[in-house]
């Protein structure tokens, strides 16, 4: 997974200082008010900024999926991080929780 952020942000400084992260993605905007259909995915992992030639390849793969972000990602002020997920937790509705750990 790839994460893009401006270099002049607390997020960038924090990831350089401590690469551990936790991301939450949920469907609330899609399933407004329907808690039984709502889902949330939590990803715990590590992030590493990618630079040089490796960044070029990562940027190309990122933009193949998110072309609308080209001006943001290609700006010299944007950093790209490769995120390695180690634990995933999927919550469906209010009580259905599934956890997967890698490594």
N, C-alpha and C. Protein backbone atom coordinates (compact mmCIF):
# COMPACT_ATOMS: atom_id res chain seq x y z
N UNK A 1 0.85 -1.15 0.00
CA UNK A 1 0.00 0.00 0.00
C UNK A 1 0.91 1.23 0.00
N UNK A 2 0.44 2.29 -0.65
CA UNK A 2 1.21 3.52 -0.76
C UNK A 2 0.47 4.66 -0.09
N UNK A 3 1.20 5.50 0.61
CA UNK A 3 0.65 6.66 1.29
C UNK A 3 1.39 7.89 0.76
N UNK A 4 0.64 8.90 0.32
CA UNK A 4 1.23 10.15 -0.17
C UNK A 4 0.92 11.26 0.81
N UNK A 5 1.92 12.10 1.10
CA UNK A 5 1.72 13.22 2.02
C UNK A 5 2.70 14.33 1.70
N UNK A 6 2.32 15.54 2.04
CA UNK A 6 3.23 16.68 1.90
C UNK A 6 4.36 16.55 2.92
N UNK A 7 5.55 16.97 2.53
CA UNK A 7 6.69 16.88 3.44
C UNK A 7 6.59 17.87 4.61
N UNK A 8 5.95 18.99 4.40
CA UNK A 8 5.87 20.03 5.45
C UNK A 8 4.65 19.83 6.35
N UNK A 9 4.40 18.59 6.75
CA UNK A 9 3.26 18.29 7.61
C UNK A 9 3.72 17.52 8.85
N UNK A 10 2.96 17.60 9.92
CA UNK A 10 3.27 16.77 11.09
C UNK A 10 3.24 15.28 10.75
N UNK A 11 2.35 14.87 9.85
CA UNK A 11 2.28 13.45 9.48
C UNK A 11 3.62 12.96 8.94
N UNK A 12 4.23 13.73 8.03
CA UNK A 12 5.51 13.35 7.45
C UNK A 12 6.59 13.29 8.53
N UNK A 13 6.67 14.32 9.37
CA UNK A 13 7.67 14.34 10.44
C UNK A 13 7.47 13.16 11.40
N UNK A 14 6.23 12.86 11.75
CA UNK A 14 5.95 11.75 12.66
C UNK A 14 6.34 10.41 12.05
N UNK A 15 6.06 10.21 10.76
CA UNK A 15 6.41 8.94 10.12
C UNK A 15 7.92 8.75 10.01
N UNK A 16 8.65 9.84 9.83
CA UNK A 16 10.11 9.73 9.80
C UNK A 16 10.66 9.42 11.20
N UNK A 17 10.04 9.99 12.22
CA UNK A 17 10.49 9.79 13.60
C UNK A 17 10.08 8.40 14.11
N UNK A 18 8.87 7.97 13.76
CA UNK A 18 8.35 6.69 14.21
C UNK A 18 7.54 6.08 13.07
N UNK A 19 8.06 5.09 12.37
CA UNK A 19 7.40 4.54 11.19
C UNK A 19 6.18 3.65 11.46
N UNK A 20 5.87 3.40 12.72
CA UNK A 20 4.68 2.58 13.03
C UNK A 20 3.44 3.42 12.74
N UNK A 21 2.43 2.80 12.16
CA UNK A 21 1.21 3.54 11.88
C UNK A 21 -0.01 2.66 12.01
N UNK A 22 -1.15 3.32 12.08
CA UNK A 22 -2.44 2.66 12.13
C UNK A 22 -3.38 3.45 11.23
N UNK A 23 -3.93 2.80 10.22
CA UNK A 23 -4.86 3.43 9.29
C UNK A 23 -6.25 2.83 9.49
N UNK A 24 -7.26 3.67 9.41
CA UNK A 24 -8.64 3.20 9.50
C UNK A 24 -9.38 3.67 8.25
N UNK A 25 -10.03 2.73 7.58
CA UNK A 25 -10.84 3.01 6.40
C UNK A 25 -12.24 2.49 6.72
N UNK A 26 -13.25 3.34 6.50
CA UNK A 26 -14.60 2.86 6.80
C UNK A 26 -15.58 3.26 5.70
N UNK A 27 -16.77 2.69 5.78
CA UNK A 27 -17.79 2.88 4.74
C UNK A 27 -18.93 3.77 5.21
N UNK A 28 -18.73 4.55 6.26
CA UNK A 28 -19.84 5.34 6.81
C UNK A 28 -20.48 6.26 5.79
N UNK A 29 -19.69 6.92 4.94
CA UNK A 29 -20.28 7.83 3.96
C UNK A 29 -21.15 7.06 2.97
N UNK A 30 -20.79 5.84 2.69
CA UNK A 30 -21.55 5.01 1.75
C UNK A 30 -22.79 4.43 2.42
N UNK A 31 -22.66 4.00 3.66
CA UNK A 31 -23.73 3.32 4.37
C UNK A 31 -24.34 4.22 5.45
N UNK A 32 -24.53 5.48 5.19
CA UNK A 32 -25.00 6.45 6.17
C UNK A 32 -26.20 5.92 6.96
N UNK A 33 -26.03 5.81 8.26
CA UNK A 33 -27.13 5.44 9.14
C UNK A 33 -27.41 3.95 9.24
N UNK A 34 -26.81 3.13 8.41
CA UNK A 34 -27.06 1.69 8.44
C UNK A 34 -25.88 1.00 9.12
N UNK A 35 -25.93 0.89 10.45
CA UNK A 35 -24.81 0.32 11.19
C UNK A 35 -24.61 -1.16 10.91
N UNK A 36 -25.63 -1.87 10.51
CA UNK A 36 -25.48 -3.29 10.21
C UNK A 36 -24.70 -3.51 8.92
N UNK A 37 -24.80 -2.59 7.96
CA UNK A 37 -24.09 -2.73 6.69
C UNK A 37 -22.72 -2.05 6.71
N UNK A 38 -22.45 -1.23 7.71
CA UNK A 38 -21.19 -0.49 7.78
C UNK A 38 -20.01 -1.43 8.01
N UNK A 39 -18.86 -1.06 7.47
CA UNK A 39 -17.63 -1.83 7.66
C UNK A 39 -16.49 -0.86 7.94
N UNK A 40 -15.52 -1.33 8.73
CA UNK A 40 -14.31 -0.56 9.00
C UNK A 40 -13.12 -1.51 8.97
N UNK A 41 -12.05 -1.07 8.31
CA UNK A 41 -10.82 -1.85 8.23
C UNK A 41 -9.72 -1.06 8.91
N UNK A 42 -9.07 -1.68 9.90
CA UNK A 42 -7.94 -1.07 10.58
C UNK A 42 -6.69 -1.81 10.13
N UNK A 43 -5.67 -1.05 9.75
CA UNK A 43 -4.40 -1.62 9.29
C UNK A 43 -3.30 -1.10 10.19
N UNK A 44 -2.62 -1.99 10.89
CA UNK A 44 -1.44 -1.65 11.69
C UNK A 44 -0.22 -2.08 10.89
N UNK A 45 0.79 -1.22 10.84
CA UNK A 45 1.97 -1.60 10.08
C UNK A 45 3.11 -0.62 10.22
N UNK A 46 4.01 -0.69 9.25
CA UNK A 46 5.20 0.14 9.22
C UNK A 46 5.24 0.88 7.88
N UNK A 47 5.74 2.12 7.93
CA UNK A 47 5.84 2.94 6.72
C UNK A 47 7.29 3.33 6.50
N UNK A 48 7.70 3.32 5.23
CA UNK A 48 9.06 3.73 4.88
C UNK A 48 8.98 4.65 3.67
N UNK A 49 9.61 5.83 3.78
CA UNK A 49 9.60 6.75 2.64
C UNK A 49 10.43 6.15 1.51
N UNK A 50 9.91 6.24 0.31
CA UNK A 50 10.57 5.69 -0.87
C UNK A 50 11.13 6.85 -1.68
N UNK A 51 12.41 6.77 -2.04
CA UNK A 51 13.09 7.84 -2.77
C UNK A 51 13.83 7.28 -3.98
N UNK A 52 14.29 8.19 -4.85
CA UNK A 52 15.11 7.81 -5.99
C UNK A 52 14.36 7.00 -7.02
N UNK A 53 15.06 6.06 -7.63
CA UNK A 53 14.47 5.22 -8.68
C UNK A 53 13.31 4.39 -8.17
N UNK A 54 13.40 3.93 -6.94
CA UNK A 54 12.31 3.14 -6.36
C UNK A 54 11.03 3.98 -6.29
N UNK A 55 11.18 5.27 -6.00
CA UNK A 55 10.01 6.15 -5.94
C UNK A 55 9.36 6.26 -7.31
N UNK A 56 10.16 6.35 -8.36
CA UNK A 56 9.61 6.47 -9.72
C UNK A 56 8.68 5.31 -10.03
N UNK A 57 9.10 4.10 -9.70
CA UNK A 57 8.26 2.92 -9.93
C UNK A 57 7.01 2.93 -9.08
N UNK A 58 7.17 3.29 -7.81
CA UNK A 58 6.03 3.34 -6.89
C UNK A 58 5.04 4.41 -7.32
N UNK A 59 5.56 5.57 -7.74
CA UNK A 59 4.70 6.66 -8.20
C UNK A 59 3.91 6.24 -9.44
N UNK A 60 4.56 5.56 -10.37
CA UNK A 60 3.87 5.10 -11.58
C UNK A 60 2.74 4.13 -11.24
N UNK A 61 2.98 3.21 -10.32
CA UNK A 61 1.93 2.25 -9.91
C UNK A 61 0.80 2.98 -9.19
N UNK A 62 1.14 3.95 -8.34
CA UNK A 62 0.14 4.72 -7.61
C UNK A 62 -0.74 5.50 -8.58
N UNK A 63 -0.11 6.17 -9.54
CA UNK A 63 -0.87 6.98 -10.49
C UNK A 63 -1.69 6.15 -11.47
N UNK A 64 -1.30 4.91 -11.69
CA UNK A 64 -2.11 4.02 -12.54
C UNK A 64 -3.49 3.80 -11.93
N UNK A 65 -3.57 3.89 -10.61
CA UNK A 65 -4.85 3.71 -9.91
C UNK A 65 -5.51 5.03 -9.52
N UNK A 66 -4.70 6.09 -9.35
CA UNK A 66 -5.22 7.36 -8.83
C UNK A 66 -4.73 8.53 -9.69
N UNK A 67 -5.00 8.49 -10.95
CA UNK A 67 -4.52 9.51 -11.88
C UNK A 67 -4.95 10.92 -11.49
N UNK A 68 -6.11 11.05 -10.85
CA UNK A 68 -6.61 12.36 -10.44
C UNK A 68 -5.69 13.04 -9.42
N UNK A 69 -4.77 12.30 -8.82
CA UNK A 69 -3.84 12.86 -7.83
C UNK A 69 -2.47 13.18 -8.42
N UNK A 70 -2.35 13.17 -9.74
CA UNK A 70 -1.06 13.35 -10.40
C UNK A 70 -0.37 14.65 -10.00
N UNK A 71 -1.07 15.77 -10.02
CA UNK A 71 -0.41 17.04 -9.70
C UNK A 71 0.07 17.06 -8.25
N UNK A 72 -0.66 16.43 -7.35
CA UNK A 72 -0.26 16.35 -5.95
C UNK A 72 0.97 15.44 -5.78
N UNK A 73 0.90 14.24 -6.32
CA UNK A 73 1.94 13.24 -6.12
C UNK A 73 3.24 13.61 -6.84
N UNK A 74 3.15 14.25 -7.98
CA UNK A 74 4.33 14.60 -8.74
C UNK A 74 5.00 15.90 -8.28
N UNK A 75 4.38 16.61 -7.35
CA UNK A 75 4.98 17.84 -6.83
C UNK A 75 6.23 17.50 -6.02
N UNK A 76 7.26 18.33 -6.07
CA UNK A 76 8.48 18.04 -5.31
C UNK A 76 8.27 18.08 -3.80
N UNK A 77 7.16 18.62 -3.35
CA UNK A 77 6.86 18.70 -1.92
C UNK A 77 6.14 17.46 -1.39
N UNK A 78 5.84 16.51 -2.27
CA UNK A 78 5.10 15.30 -1.88
C UNK A 78 6.05 14.14 -1.61
N UNK A 79 5.83 13.46 -0.51
CA UNK A 79 6.59 12.25 -0.17
C UNK A 79 5.69 11.04 -0.37
N UNK A 80 6.28 9.93 -0.80
CA UNK A 80 5.57 8.66 -0.93
C UNK A 80 6.14 7.67 0.08
N UNK A 81 5.24 7.02 0.79
CA UNK A 81 5.63 5.99 1.76
C UNK A 81 5.07 4.65 1.31
N UNK A 82 5.88 3.62 1.43
CA UNK A 82 5.42 2.25 1.23
C UNK A 82 4.97 1.74 2.59
N UNK A 83 3.74 1.27 2.69
CA UNK A 83 3.19 0.78 3.95
C UNK A 83 3.15 -0.74 3.91
N UNK A 84 3.74 -1.35 4.91
CA UNK A 84 3.74 -2.81 5.05
C UNK A 84 2.79 -3.16 6.18
N UNK A 85 1.62 -3.68 5.84
CA UNK A 85 0.64 -4.05 6.85
C UNK A 85 1.08 -5.28 7.63
N UNK A 86 0.89 -5.26 8.94
CA UNK A 86 1.24 -6.39 9.79
C UNK A 86 0.03 -7.00 10.48
N UNK A 87 -1.01 -6.17 10.71
CA UNK A 87 -2.24 -6.66 11.33
C UNK A 87 -3.41 -5.95 10.69
N UNK A 88 -4.43 -6.72 10.36
CA UNK A 88 -5.64 -6.19 9.75
C UNK A 88 -6.82 -6.60 10.60
N UNK A 89 -7.72 -5.66 10.85
CA UNK A 89 -8.93 -5.96 11.61
C UNK A 89 -10.12 -5.41 10.82
N UNK A 90 -11.02 -6.30 10.46
CA UNK A 90 -12.22 -5.92 9.71
C UNK A 90 -13.42 -6.05 10.63
N UNK A 91 -14.17 -4.96 10.76
CA UNK A 91 -15.38 -4.95 11.58
C UNK A 91 -16.56 -4.74 10.65
N UNK A 92 -17.51 -5.68 10.71
CA UNK A 92 -18.76 -5.59 9.94
C UNK A 92 -19.89 -5.36 10.92
N UNK A 93 -20.68 -4.34 10.66
CA UNK A 93 -21.77 -4.03 11.59
C UNK A 93 -21.22 -3.63 12.94
N UNK A 94 -21.86 -4.10 13.99
CA UNK A 94 -21.42 -3.73 15.33
C UNK A 94 -20.59 -4.79 16.04
N UNK A 95 -20.75 -6.06 15.66
CA UNK A 95 -20.16 -7.12 16.46
C UNK A 95 -19.29 -8.13 15.71
N UNK A 96 -19.31 -8.13 14.40
CA UNK A 96 -18.57 -9.11 13.61
C UNK A 96 -17.15 -8.59 13.37
N UNK A 97 -16.17 -9.14 14.11
CA UNK A 97 -14.79 -8.68 14.04
C UNK A 97 -13.90 -9.83 13.58
N UNK A 98 -13.07 -9.56 12.59
CA UNK A 98 -12.14 -10.56 12.08
C UNK A 98 -10.75 -9.95 12.06
N UNK A 99 -9.77 -10.66 12.62
CA UNK A 99 -8.40 -10.16 12.69
C UNK A 99 -7.46 -11.10 11.95
N UNK A 100 -6.52 -10.50 11.21
CA UNK A 100 -5.48 -11.26 10.52
C UNK A 100 -4.14 -10.63 10.84
N UNK A 101 -3.19 -11.45 11.26
CA UNK A 101 -1.80 -10.98 11.54
C UNK A 101 -0.86 -11.62 10.52
N UNK A 102 0.06 -10.80 10.03
CA UNK A 102 1.05 -11.28 9.08
C UNK A 102 2.42 -11.24 9.75
N UNK A 103 3.24 -12.24 9.45
CA UNK A 103 4.62 -12.26 9.96
C UNK A 103 4.68 -12.47 11.36
